[in-house]
Amino acid sequence: QKEGKVGSPETPLSDLGALSYASYWRDTITELLLQYEQSGKPVTVAEISKQTMLKVDDIITTMKDLGIVYGNRKSACIVLTEEFKEEHHNRMARRKVHIDQEKLLWS
């Protein structure tokens, strides 16, 4: 992300690696969607990719796995139910490690 390149992990992933990436993608995408929902602005998968540097295919797969995408390839919408938002909030509250990306130094 720091390099401004869209990417995905090298494959094949171990089961633990796949679980870790899926968790990261879920939380990253959900946080961004919640920001857009709060602002009232529409968002596209391409915009999510641009802001997160995640591959479009990974974003679509993650949203499908979360059960928040409705429609078809030509016309789809994202629905964040109150239950989904509450589950996300609870999961983030339980998270033991919080990383402030502004404090990371890359060499």
PDB file of N, CA and C in Angstrom:
ATOM      1  N   GLN A   1       0.840  -1.186   0.000  1.00  0.00           N
ATOM      2  CA  GLN A   1       0.000   0.000   0.000  1.00  0.00           C
ATOM      3  C   GLN A   1       0.879   1.241   0.000  1.00  0.00           C
ATOM      4  N   LYS A   2       1.936   1.248   0.793  1.00  0.00           N
ATOM      5  CA  LYS A   2       2.830   2.405   0.864  1.00  0.00           C
ATOM      6  C   LYS A   2       3.442   2.717  -0.491  1.00  0.00           C
ATOM      7  N   GLU A   3       3.672   1.679  -1.293  1.00  0.00           N
ATOM      8  CA  GLU A   3       4.293   1.864  -2.598  1.00  0.00           C
ATOM      9  C   GLU A   3       3.305   2.325  -3.656  1.00  0.00           C
ATOM     10  N   GLY A   4       2.031   2.350  -3.313  1.00  0.00           N
ATOM     11  CA  GLY A   4       1.017   2.777  -4.271  1.00  0.00           C
ATOM     12  C   GLY A   4       0.734   1.742  -5.338  1.00  0.00           C
ATOM     13  N   LYS A   5       0.953   0.471  -5.021  1.00  0.00           N
ATOM     14  CA  LYS A   5       0.713  -0.606  -5.974  1.00  0.00           C
ATOM     15  C   LYS A   5      -0.381  -1.523  -5.456  1.00  0.00           C
ATOM     16  N   VAL A   6      -1.321  -1.846  -6.341  1.00  0.00           N
ATOM     17  CA  VAL A   6      -2.366  -2.804  -5.992  1.00  0.00           C
ATOM     18  C   VAL A   6      -1.718  -4.174  -5.953  1.00  0.00           C
ATOM     19  N   GLY A   7      -2.040  -4.955  -4.939  1.00  0.00           N
ATOM     20  CA  GLY A   7      -1.401  -6.246  -4.840  1.00  0.00           C
ATOM     21  C   GLY A   7      -2.235  -7.277  -4.126  1.00  0.00           C
ATOM     22  N   SER A   8      -1.663  -8.447  -4.058  1.00  0.00           N
ATOM     23  CA  SER A   8      -2.280  -9.597  -3.423  1.00  0.00           C
ATOM     24  C   SER A   8      -1.143 -10.466  -2.902  1.00  0.00           C
ATOM     25  N   PRO A   9      -1.413 -11.305  -1.927  1.00  0.00           N
ATOM     26  CA  PRO A   9      -0.328 -12.143  -1.410  1.00  0.00           C
ATOM     27  C   PRO A   9       0.139 -13.166  -2.441  1.00  0.00           C
ATOM     28  N   GLU A  10       1.374 -13.604  -2.259  1.00  0.00           N
ATOM     29  CA  GLU A  10       1.881 -14.664  -3.124  1.00  0.00           C
ATOM     30  C   GLU A  10       1.104 -15.941  -2.836  1.00  0.00           C
ATOM     31  N   THR A  11       0.876 -16.721  -3.868  1.00  0.00           N
ATOM     32  CA  THR A  11       0.154 -17.973  -3.690  1.00  0.00           C
ATOM     33  C   THR A  11       1.110 -19.122  -3.977  1.00  0.00           C
ATOM     34  N   PRO A  12       0.897 -20.271  -3.466  1.00  0.00           N
ATOM     35  CA  PRO A  12      -0.247 -20.646  -2.631  1.00  0.00           C
ATOM     36  C   PRO A  12      -0.051 -20.181  -1.187  1.00  0.00           C
ATOM     37  N   LEU A  13      -1.158 -19.876  -0.529  1.00  0.00           N
ATOM     38  CA  LEU A  13      -1.146 -19.492   0.876  1.00  0.00           C
ATOM     39  C   LEU A  13      -1.388 -20.715   1.748  1.00  0.00           C
ATOM     40  N   SER A  14      -0.774 -20.719   2.894  1.00  0.00           N
ATOM     41  CA  SER A  14      -1.084 -21.769   3.871  1.00  0.00           C
ATOM     42  C   SER A  14      -2.489 -21.492   4.411  1.00  0.00           C
ATOM     43  N   ASP A  15      -3.068 -22.446   5.107  1.00  0.00           N
ATOM     44  CA  ASP A  15      -4.396 -22.235   5.690  1.00  0.00           C
ATOM     45  C   ASP A  15      -4.390 -21.056   6.654  1.00  0.00           C
ATOM     46  N   LEU A  16      -3.346 -20.961   7.464  1.00  0.00           N
ATOM     47  CA  LEU A  16      -3.241 -19.856   8.417  1.00  0.00           C
ATOM     48  C   LEU A  16      -3.027 -18.527   7.693  1.00  0.00           C
ATOM     49  N   GLY A  17      -2.220 -18.545   6.642  1.00  0.00           N
ATOM     50  CA  GLY A  17      -1.991 -17.336   5.849  1.00  0.00           C
ATOM     51  C   GLY A  17      -3.277 -16.852   5.198  1.00  0.00           C
ATOM     52  N   ALA A  18      -4.052 -17.779   4.640  1.00  0.00           N
ATOM     53  CA  ALA A  18      -5.325 -17.421   4.005  1.00  0.00           C
ATOM     54  C   ALA A  18      -6.289 -16.831   5.027  1.00  0.00           C
ATOM     55  N   LEU A  19      -6.318 -17.410   6.211  1.00  0.00           N
ATOM     56  CA  LEU A  19      -7.186 -16.916   7.273  1.00  0.00           C
ATOM     57  C   LEU A  19      -6.780 -15.504   7.693  1.00  0.00           C
ATOM     58  N   SER A  20      -5.485 -15.268   7.808  1.00  0.00           N
ATOM     59  CA  SER A  20      -4.978 -13.951   8.199  1.00  0.00           C
ATOM     60  C   SER A  20      -5.310 -12.892   7.152  1.00  0.00           C
ATOM     61  N   TYR A  21      -5.075 -13.206   5.875  1.00  0.00           N
ATOM     62  CA  TYR A  21      -5.393 -12.254   4.824  1.00  0.00           C
ATOM     63  C   TYR A  21      -6.891 -11.987   4.755  1.00  0.00           C
ATOM     64  N   ALA A  22      -7.694 -13.028   4.866  1.00  0.00           N
ATOM     65  CA  ALA A  22      -9.153 -12.856   4.815  1.00  0.00           C
ATOM     66  C   ALA A  22      -9.627 -11.939   5.944  1.00  0.00           C
ATOM     67  N   SER A  23      -9.049 -12.104   7.117  1.00  0.00           N
ATOM     68  CA  SER A  23      -9.398 -11.263   8.256  1.00  0.00           C
ATOM     69  C   SER A  23      -9.000  -9.816   7.997  1.00  0.00           C
ATOM     70  N   TYR A  24      -7.806  -9.598   7.472  1.00  0.00           N
ATOM     71  CA  TYR A  24      -7.337  -8.243   7.156  1.00  0.00           C
ATOM     72  C   TYR A  24      -8.227  -7.598   6.095  1.00  0.00           C
ATOM     73  N   TRP A  25      -8.495  -8.351   5.006  1.00  0.00           N
ATOM     74  CA  TRP A  25      -9.339  -7.805   3.947  1.00  0.00           C
ATOM     75  C   TRP A  25     -10.723  -7.454   4.483  1.00  0.00           C
ATOM     76  N   ARG A  26     -11.315  -8.352   5.284  1.00  0.00           N
ATOM     77  CA  ARG A  26     -12.653  -8.128   5.852  1.00  0.00           C
ATOM     78  C   ARG A  26     -12.681  -6.826   6.639  1.00  0.00           C
ATOM     79  N   ASP A  27     -11.741  -6.660   7.544  1.00  0.00           N
ATOM     80  CA  ASP A  27     -11.758  -5.481   8.405  1.00  0.00           C
ATOM     81  C   ASP A  27     -11.436  -4.199   7.638  1.00  0.00           C
ATOM     82  N   THR A  28     -10.481  -4.270   6.724  1.00  0.00           N
ATOM     83  CA  THR A  28     -10.096  -3.092   5.938  1.00  0.00           C
ATOM     84  C   THR A  28     -11.252  -2.628   5.058  1.00  0.00           C
ATOM     85  N   ILE A  29     -11.875  -3.559   4.368  1.00  0.00           N
ATOM     86  CA  ILE A  29     -12.991  -3.216   3.477  1.00  0.00           C
ATOM     87  C   ILE A  29     -14.188  -2.718   4.285  1.00  0.00           C
ATOM     88  N   THR A  30     -14.493  -3.380   5.385  1.00  0.00           N
ATOM     89  CA  THR A  30     -15.635  -2.975   6.212  1.00  0.00           C
ATOM     90  C   THR A  30     -15.436  -1.579   6.775  1.00  0.00           C
ATOM     91  N   GLU A  31     -14.248  -1.277   7.272  1.00  0.00           N
ATOM     92  CA  GLU A  31     -13.983   0.056   7.815  1.00  0.00           C
ATOM     93  C   GLU A  31     -14.196   1.128   6.746  1.00  0.00           C
ATOM     94  N   LEU A  32     -13.716   0.877   5.538  1.00  0.00           N
ATOM     95  CA  LEU A  32     -13.877   1.846   4.453  1.00  0.00           C
ATOM     96  C   LEU A  32     -15.349   1.996   4.074  1.00  0.00           C
ATOM     97  N   LEU A  33     -16.068   0.884   3.986  1.00  0.00           N
ATOM     98  CA  LEU A  33     -17.489   0.949   3.649  1.00  0.00           C
ATOM     99  C   LEU A  33     -18.271   1.728   4.711  1.00  0.00           C
ATOM    100  N   LEU A  34     -17.925   1.541   5.959  1.00  0.00           N
ATOM    101  CA  LEU A  34     -18.600   2.278   7.028  1.00  0.00           C
ATOM    102  C   LEU A  34     -18.320   3.775   6.926  1.00  0.00           C
ATOM    103  N   GLN A  35     -17.112   4.140   6.542  1.00  0.00           N
ATOM    104  CA  GLN A  35     -16.781   5.555   6.343  1.00  0.00           C
ATOM    105  C   GLN A  35     -17.622   6.154   5.213  1.00  0.00           C
ATOM    106  N   TYR A  36     -17.737   5.402   4.123  1.00  0.00           N
ATOM    107  CA  TYR A  36     -18.547   5.883   3.001  1.00  0.00           C
ATOM    108  C   TYR A  36     -20.018   5.977   3.389  1.00  0.00           C
ATOM    109  N   GLU A  37     -20.499   4.989   4.121  1.00  0.00           N
ATOM    110  CA  GLU A  37     -21.897   5.011   4.551  1.00  0.00           C
ATOM    111  C   GLU A  37     -22.172   6.250   5.404  1.00  0.00           C
ATOM    112  N   GLN A  38     -21.245   6.544   6.302  1.00  0.00           N
ATOM    113  CA  GLN A  38     -21.414   7.696   7.189  1.00  0.00           C
ATOM    114  C   GLN A  38     -21.389   9.010   6.406  1.00  0.00           C
ATOM    115  N   SER A  39     -20.576   9.079   5.362  1.00  0.00           N
ATOM    116  CA  SER A  39     -20.478  10.300   4.567  1.00  0.00           C
ATOM    117  C   SER A  39     -21.650  10.457   3.604  1.00  0.00           C
ATOM    118  N   GLY A  40     -22.346   9.341   3.329  1.00  0.00           N
ATOM    119  CA  GLY A  40     -23.458   9.381   2.381  1.00  0.00           C
ATOM    120  C   GLY A  40     -23.024   9.362   0.928  1.00  0.00           C
ATOM    121  N   LYS A  41     -21.732   9.170   0.683  1.00  0.00           N
ATOM    122  CA  LYS A  41     -21.211   9.140  -0.683  1.00  0.00           C
ATOM    123  C   LYS A  41     -21.248   7.714  -1.229  1.00  0.00           C
ATOM    124  N   PRO A  42     -21.538   7.567  -2.512  1.00  0.00           N
ATOM    125  CA  PRO A  42     -21.484   6.226  -3.114  1.00  0.00           C
ATOM    126  C   PRO A  42     -20.019   5.807  -3.299  1.00  0.00           C
ATOM    127  N   VAL A  43     -19.807   4.507  -3.398  1.00  0.00           N
ATOM    128  CA  VAL A  43     -18.454   3.988  -3.592  1.00  0.00           C
ATOM    129  C   VAL A  43     -18.498   2.832  -4.586  1.00  0.00           C
ATOM    130  N   THR A  44     -17.438   2.706  -5.352  1.00  0.00           N
ATOM    131  CA  THR A  44     -17.315   1.602  -6.299  1.00  0.00           C
ATOM    132  C   THR A  44     -16.208   0.659  -5.827  1.00  0.00           C
ATOM    133  N   VAL A  45     -16.200  -0.528  -6.382  1.00  0.00           N
ATOM    134  CA  VAL A  45     -15.140  -1.484  -6.057  1.00  0.00           C
ATOM    135  C   VAL A  45     -13.796  -0.920  -6.518  1.00  0.00           C
ATOM    136  N   ALA A  46     -13.793  -0.222  -7.657  1.00  0.00           N
ATOM    137  CA  ALA A  46     -12.548   0.380  -8.141  1.00  0.00           C
ATOM    138  C   ALA A  46     -12.029   1.421  -7.146  1.00  0.00           C
ATOM    139  N   GLU A  47     -12.918   2.185  -6.540  1.00  0.00           N
ATOM    140  CA  GLU A  47     -12.515   3.182  -5.546  1.00  0.00           C
ATOM    141  C   GLU A  47     -11.988   2.497  -4.280  1.00  0.00           C
ATOM    142  N   ILE A  48     -12.633   1.415  -3.873  1.00  0.00           N
ATOM    143  CA  ILE A  48     -12.148   0.656  -2.712  1.00  0.00           C
ATOM    144  C   ILE A  48     -10.739   0.149  -2.997  1.00  0.00           C
ATOM    145  N   SER A  49     -10.528  -0.370  -4.198  1.00  0.00           N
ATOM    146  CA  SER A  49      -9.205  -0.868  -4.590  1.00  0.00           C
ATOM    147  C   SER A  49      -8.176   0.254  -4.558  1.00  0.00           C
ATOM    148  N   LYS A  50      -8.546   1.405  -5.082  1.00  0.00           N
ATOM    149  CA  LYS A  50      -7.637   2.553  -5.120  1.00  0.00           C
ATOM    150  C   LYS A  50      -7.237   2.998  -3.715  1.00  0.00           C
ATOM    151  N   GLN A  51      -8.172   2.967  -2.791  1.00  0.00           N
ATOM    152  CA  GLN A  51      -7.888   3.442  -1.434  1.00  0.00           C
ATOM    153  C   GLN A  51      -7.188   2.401  -0.564  1.00  0.00           C
ATOM    154  N   THR A  52      -7.446   1.132  -0.827  1.00  0.00           N
ATOM    155  CA  THR A  52      -6.863   0.074   0.014  1.00  0.00           C
ATOM    156  C   THR A  52      -5.682  -0.623  -0.652  1.00  0.00           C
ATOM    157  N   MET A  53      -5.550  -0.464  -1.968  1.00  0.00           N
ATOM    158  CA  MET A  53      -4.529  -1.139  -2.771  1.00  0.00           C
ATOM    159  C   MET A  53      -4.740  -2.648  -2.811  1.00  0.00           C
ATOM    160  N   LEU A  54      -5.958  -3.096  -2.542  1.00  0.00           N
ATOM    161  CA  LEU A  54      -6.311  -4.508  -2.672  1.00  0.00           C
ATOM    162  C   LEU A  54      -6.797  -4.754  -4.093  1.00  0.00           C
ATOM    163  N   LYS A  55      -6.562  -5.960  -4.594  1.00  0.00           N
ATOM    164  CA  LYS A  55      -7.031  -6.313  -5.934  1.00  0.00           C
ATOM    165  C   LYS A  55      -8.555  -6.368  -5.950  1.00  0.00           C
ATOM    166  N   VAL A  56      -9.131  -5.942  -7.077  1.00  0.00           N
ATOM    167  CA  VAL A  56     -10.586  -5.939  -7.243  1.00  0.00           C
ATOM    168  C   VAL A  56     -11.160  -7.325  -6.980  1.00  0.00           C
ATOM    169  N   ASP A  57     -10.513  -8.373  -7.503  1.00  0.00           N
ATOM    170  CA  ASP A  57     -11.009  -9.737  -7.299  1.00  0.00           C
ATOM    171  C   ASP A  57     -11.051 -10.103  -5.815  1.00  0.00           C
ATOM    172  N   ASP A  58     -10.024  -9.688  -5.060  1.00  0.00           N
ATOM    173  CA  ASP A  58      -9.997  -9.973  -3.623  1.00  0.00           C
ATOM    174  C   ASP A  58     -11.113  -9.224  -2.899  1.00  0.00           C
ATOM    175  N   ILE A  59     -11.383  -8.002  -3.321  1.00  0.00           N
ATOM    176  CA  ILE A  59     -12.455  -7.203  -2.709  1.00  0.00           C
ATOM    177  C   ILE A  59     -13.808  -7.850  -2.967  1.00  0.00           C
ATOM    178  N   ILE A  60     -14.056  -8.223  -4.211  1.00  0.00           N
ATOM    179  CA  ILE A  60     -15.340  -8.835  -4.569  1.00  0.00           C
ATOM    180  C   ILE A  60     -15.527 -10.157  -3.828  1.00  0.00           C
ATOM    181  N   THR A  61     -14.488 -10.983  -3.815  1.00  0.00           N
ATOM    182  CA  THR A  61     -14.575 -12.266  -3.114  1.00  0.00           C
ATOM    183  C   THR A  61     -14.860 -12.054  -1.635  1.00  0.00           C
ATOM    184  N   THR A  62     -14.175 -11.098  -1.022  1.00  0.00           N
ATOM    185  CA  THR A  62     -14.377 -10.824   0.404  1.00  0.00           C
ATOM    186  C   THR A  62     -15.797 -10.357   0.665  1.00  0.00           C
ATOM    187  N   MET A  63     -16.311  -9.445  -0.144  1.00  0.00           N
ATOM    188  CA  MET A  63     -17.671  -8.939   0.073  1.00  0.00           C
ATOM    189  C   MET A  63     -18.709 -10.036  -0.143  1.00  0.00           C
ATOM    190  N   LYS A  64     -18.471 -10.914  -1.108  1.00  0.00           N
ATOM    191  CA  LYS A  64     -19.379 -12.043  -1.310  1.00  0.00           C
ATOM    192  C   LYS A  64     -19.345 -12.978  -0.105  1.00  0.00           C
ATOM    193  N   ASP A  65     -18.127 -13.252   0.390  1.00  0.00           N
ATOM    194  CA  ASP A  65     -17.986 -14.119   1.567  1.00  0.00           C
ATOM    195  C   ASP A  65     -18.684 -13.520   2.787  1.00  0.00           C
ATOM    196  N   LEU A  66     -18.686 -12.193   2.881  1.00  0.00           N
ATOM    197  CA  LEU A  66     -19.353 -11.512   3.987  1.00  0.00           C
ATOM    198  C   LEU A  66     -20.874 -11.470   3.821  1.00  0.00           C
ATOM    199  N   GLY A  67     -21.342 -11.759   2.610  1.00  0.00           N
ATOM    200  CA  GLY A  67     -22.777 -11.751   2.350  1.00  0.00           C
ATOM    201  C   GLY A  67     -23.371 -10.355   2.299  1.00  0.00           C
ATOM    202  N   ILE A  68     -22.567  -9.372   1.846  1.00  0.00           N
ATOM    203  CA  ILE A  68     -23.068  -7.994   1.813  1.00  0.00           C
ATOM    204  C   ILE A  68     -23.310  -7.483   0.397  1.00  0.00           C
ATOM    205  N   VAL A  69     -23.086  -8.334  -0.613  1.00  0.00           N
ATOM    206  CA  VAL A  69     -23.291  -7.929  -2.002  1.00  0.00           C
ATOM    207  C   VAL A  69     -24.552  -8.590  -2.536  1.00  0.00           C
ATOM    208  N   TYR A  70     -25.392  -7.767  -3.155  1.00  0.00           N
ATOM    209  CA  TYR A  70     -26.637  -8.260  -3.736  1.00  0.00           C
ATOM    210  C   TYR A  70     -26.727  -7.774  -5.177  1.00  0.00           C
ATOM    211  N   GLY A  71     -27.147  -8.645  -6.072  1.00  0.00           N
ATOM    212  CA  GLY A  71     -27.292  -8.275  -7.467  1.00  0.00           C
ATOM    213  C   GLY A  71     -26.500  -9.202  -8.348  1.00  0.00           C
ATOM    214  N   ASN A  72     -26.098  -8.675  -9.514  1.00  0.00           N
ATOM    215  CA  ASN A  72     -25.336  -9.468 -10.469  1.00  0.00           C
ATOM    216  C   ASN A  72     -24.136  -8.665 -10.963  1.00  0.00           C
ATOM    217  N   ARG A  73     -23.441  -9.196 -11.969  1.00  0.00           N
ATOM    218  CA  ARG A  73     -22.220  -8.536 -12.469  1.00  0.00           C
ATOM    219  C   ARG A  73     -22.491  -7.151 -13.034  1.00  0.00           C
ATOM    220  N   LYS A  74     -23.659  -6.945 -13.616  1.00  0.00           N
ATOM    221  CA  LYS A  74     -23.962  -5.651 -14.240  1.00  0.00           C
ATOM    222  C   LYS A  74     -24.448  -4.621 -13.234  1.00  0.00           C
ATOM    223  N   SER A  75     -25.161  -5.083 -12.234  1.00  0.00           N
ATOM    224  CA  SER A  75     -25.740  -4.152 -11.268  1.00  0.00           C
ATOM    225  C   SER A  75     -25.790  -4.811  -9.895  1.00  0.00           C
ATOM    226  N   ALA A  76     -24.995  -4.284  -8.990  1.00  0.00           N
ATOM    227  CA  ALA A  76     -24.949  -4.851  -7.642  1.00  0.00           C
ATOM    228  C   ALA A  76     -24.947  -3.724  -6.617  1.00  0.00           C
ATOM    229  N   CYS A  77     -25.376  -4.060  -5.423  1.00  0.00           N
ATOM    230  CA  CYS A  77     -25.315  -3.086  -4.342  1.00  0.00           C
ATOM    231  C   CYS A  77     -24.761  -3.769  -3.100  1.00  0.00           C
ATOM    232  N   ILE A  78     -24.254  -2.946  -2.211  1.00  0.00           N
ATOM    233  CA  ILE A  78     -23.677  -3.419  -0.956  1.00  0.00           C
ATOM    234  C   ILE A  78     -24.633  -3.019   0.154  1.00  0.00           C
ATOM    235  N   VAL A  79     -24.992  -3.977   0.990  1.00  0.00           N
ATOM    236  CA  VAL A  79     -25.918  -3.708   2.092  1.00  0.00           C
ATOM    237  C   VAL A  79     -25.237  -4.070   3.405  1.00  0.00           C
ATOM    238  N   LEU A  80     -25.102  -3.060   4.271  1.00  0.00           N
ATOM    239  CA  LEU A  80     -24.529  -3.268   5.599  1.00  0.00           C
ATOM    240  C   LEU A  80     -25.669  -3.234   6.602  1.00  0.00           C
ATOM    241  N   THR A  81     -26.068  -4.400   7.073  1.00  0.00           N
ATOM    242  CA  THR A  81     -27.169  -4.467   8.037  1.00  0.00           C
ATOM    243  C   THR A  81     -26.685  -4.008   9.408  1.00  0.00           C
ATOM    244  N   GLU A  82     -27.619  -3.677  10.264  1.00  0.00           N
ATOM    245  CA  GLU A  82     -27.255  -3.284  11.626  1.00  0.00           C
ATOM    246  C   GLU A  82     -26.545  -4.427  12.339  1.00  0.00           C
ATOM    247  N   GLU A  83     -26.992  -5.653  12.088  1.00  0.00           N
ATOM    248  CA  GLU A  83     -26.355  -6.824  12.698  1.00  0.00           C
ATOM    249  C   GLU A  83     -24.902  -6.946  12.233  1.00  0.00           C
ATOM    250  N   PHE A  84     -24.660  -6.749  10.940  1.00  0.00           N
ATOM    251  CA  PHE A  84     -23.303  -6.816  10.385  1.00  0.00           C
ATOM    252  C   PHE A  84     -22.421  -5.745  11.028  1.00  0.00           C
ATOM    253  N   LYS A  85     -22.943  -4.524  11.137  1.00  0.00           N
ATOM    254  CA  LYS A  85     -22.166  -3.427  11.724  1.00  0.00           C
ATOM    255  C   LYS A  85     -21.866  -3.685  13.196  1.00  0.00           C
ATOM    256  N   GLU A  86     -22.824  -4.230  13.909  1.00  0.00           N
ATOM    257  CA  GLU A  86     -22.611  -4.535  15.326  1.00  0.00           C
ATOM    258  C   GLU A  86     -21.559  -5.634  15.496  1.00  0.00           C
ATOM    259  N   GLU A  87     -21.625  -6.670  14.660  1.00  0.00           N
ATOM    260  CA  GLU A  87     -20.622  -7.733  14.715  1.00  0.00           C
ATOM    261  C   GLU A  87     -19.228  -7.169  14.452  1.00  0.00           C
ATOM    262  N   HIS A  88     -19.131  -6.280  13.469  1.00  0.00           N
ATOM    263  CA  HIS A  88     -17.840  -5.667  13.150  1.00  0.00           C
ATOM    264  C   HIS A  88     -17.339  -4.824  14.325  1.00  0.00           C
ATOM    265  N   HIS A  89     -18.220  -4.027  14.887  1.00  0.00           N
ATOM    266  CA  HIS A  89     -17.846  -3.184  16.027  1.00  0.00           C
ATOM    267  C   HIS A  89     -17.349  -4.048  17.192  1.00  0.00           C
ATOM    268  N   ASN A  90     -18.051  -5.118  17.485  1.00  0.00           N
ATOM    269  CA  ASN A  90     -17.653  -6.025  18.574  1.00  0.00           C
ATOM    270  C   ASN A  90     -16.313  -6.693  18.285  1.00  0.00           C
ATOM    271  N   ARG A  91     -16.105  -7.095  17.039  1.00  0.00           N
ATOM    272  CA  ARG A  91     -14.842  -7.734  16.655  1.00  0.00           C
ATOM    273  C   ARG A  91     -13.686  -6.740  16.814  1.00  0.00           C
ATOM    274  N   MET A  92     -13.890  -5.501  16.405  1.00  0.00           N
ATOM    275  CA  MET A  92     -12.832  -4.501  16.514  1.00  0.00           C
ATOM    276  C   MET A  92     -12.555  -4.154  17.973  1.00  0.00           C
ATOM    277  N   ALA A  93     -13.584  -4.168  18.815  1.00  0.00           N
ATOM    278  CA  ALA A  93     -13.410  -3.865  20.237  1.00  0.00           C
ATOM    279  C   ALA A  93     -12.594  -4.962  20.933  1.00  0.00           C
ATOM    280  N   ARG A  94     -12.723  -6.208  20.458  1.00  0.00           N
ATOM    281  CA  ARG A  94     -11.978  -7.333  21.047  1.00  0.00           C
ATOM    282  C   ARG A  94     -10.537  -7.399  20.562  1.00  0.00           C
ATOM    283  N   ARG A  95     -10.253  -6.705  19.477  1.00  0.00           N
ATOM    284  CA  ARG A  95      -8.911  -6.768  18.901  1.00  0.00           C
ATOM    285  C   ARG A  95      -7.890  -6.267  19.916  1.00  0.00           C
ATOM    286  N   LYS A  96      -6.863  -7.052  20.101  1.00  0.00           N
ATOM    287  CA  LYS A  96      -5.866  -6.727  21.116  1.00  0.00           C
ATOM    288  C   LYS A  96      -4.775  -5.803  20.594  1.00  0.00           C
ATOM    289  N   VAL A  97      -4.510  -5.857  19.311  1.00  0.00           N
ATOM    290  CA  VAL A  97      -3.444  -5.045  18.737  1.00  0.00           C
ATOM    291  C   VAL A  97      -4.055  -4.027  17.793  1.00  0.00           C
ATOM    292  N   HIS A  98      -3.750  -2.768  18.047  1.00  0.00           N
ATOM    293  CA  HIS A  98      -4.192  -1.690  17.170  1.00  0.00           C
ATOM    294  C   HIS A  98      -2.941  -1.022  16.608  1.00  0.00           C
ATOM    295  N   ILE A  99      -2.869  -0.904  15.311  1.00  0.00           N
ATOM    296  CA  ILE A  99      -1.689  -0.349  14.661  1.00  0.00           C
ATOM    297  C   ILE A  99      -2.026   1.023  14.095  1.00  0.00           C
ATOM    298  N   ASP A 100      -1.246   2.016  14.483  1.00  0.00           N
ATOM    299  CA  ASP A 100      -1.368   3.353  13.934  1.00  0.00           C
ATOM    300  C   ASP A 100      -0.430   3.414  12.741  1.00  0.00           C
ATOM    301  N   GLN A 101      -0.981   3.324  11.535  1.00  0.00           N
ATOM    302  CA  GLN A 101      -0.151   3.253  10.333  1.00  0.00           C
ATOM    303  C   GLN A 101       0.680   4.514  10.129  1.00  0.00           C
ATOM    304  N   GLU A 102       0.260   5.619  10.702  1.00  0.00           N
ATOM    305  CA  GLU A 102       1.023   6.853  10.588  1.00  0.00           C
ATOM    306  C   GLU A 102       2.356   6.756  11.326  1.00  0.00           C
ATOM    307  N   LYS A 103       2.443   5.861  12.296  1.00  0.00           N
ATOM    308  CA  LYS A 103       3.664   5.728  13.098  1.00  0.00           C
ATOM    309  C   LYS A 103       4.627   4.686  12.526  1.00  0.00           C
ATOM    310  N   LEU A 104       4.197   3.959  11.489  1.00  0.00           N
ATOM    311  CA  LEU A 104       5.085   2.963  10.881  1.00  0.00           C
ATOM    312  C   LEU A 104       6.162   3.653  10.056  1.00  0.00           C
ATOM    313  N   LEU A 105       7.383   3.203  10.185  1.00  0.00           N
ATOM    314  CA  LEU A 105       8.488   3.716   9.389  1.00  0.00           C
ATOM    315  C   LEU A 105       8.965   2.626   8.458  1.00  0.00           C
ATOM    316  N   TRP A 106       8.935   2.895   7.161  1.00  0.00           N
ATOM    317  CA  TRP A 106       9.354   1.915   6.169  1.00  0.00           C
ATOM    318  C   TRP A 106      10.746   2.274   5.690  1.00  0.00           C
ATOM    319  N   SER A 107      11.579   1.267   5.567  1.00  0.00           N
ATOM    320  CA  SER A 107      12.938   1.541   5.082  1.00  0.00           C
ATOM    321  C   SER A 107      13.209   0.786   3.800  1.00  0.00           C
TER     322      SER A 107
END
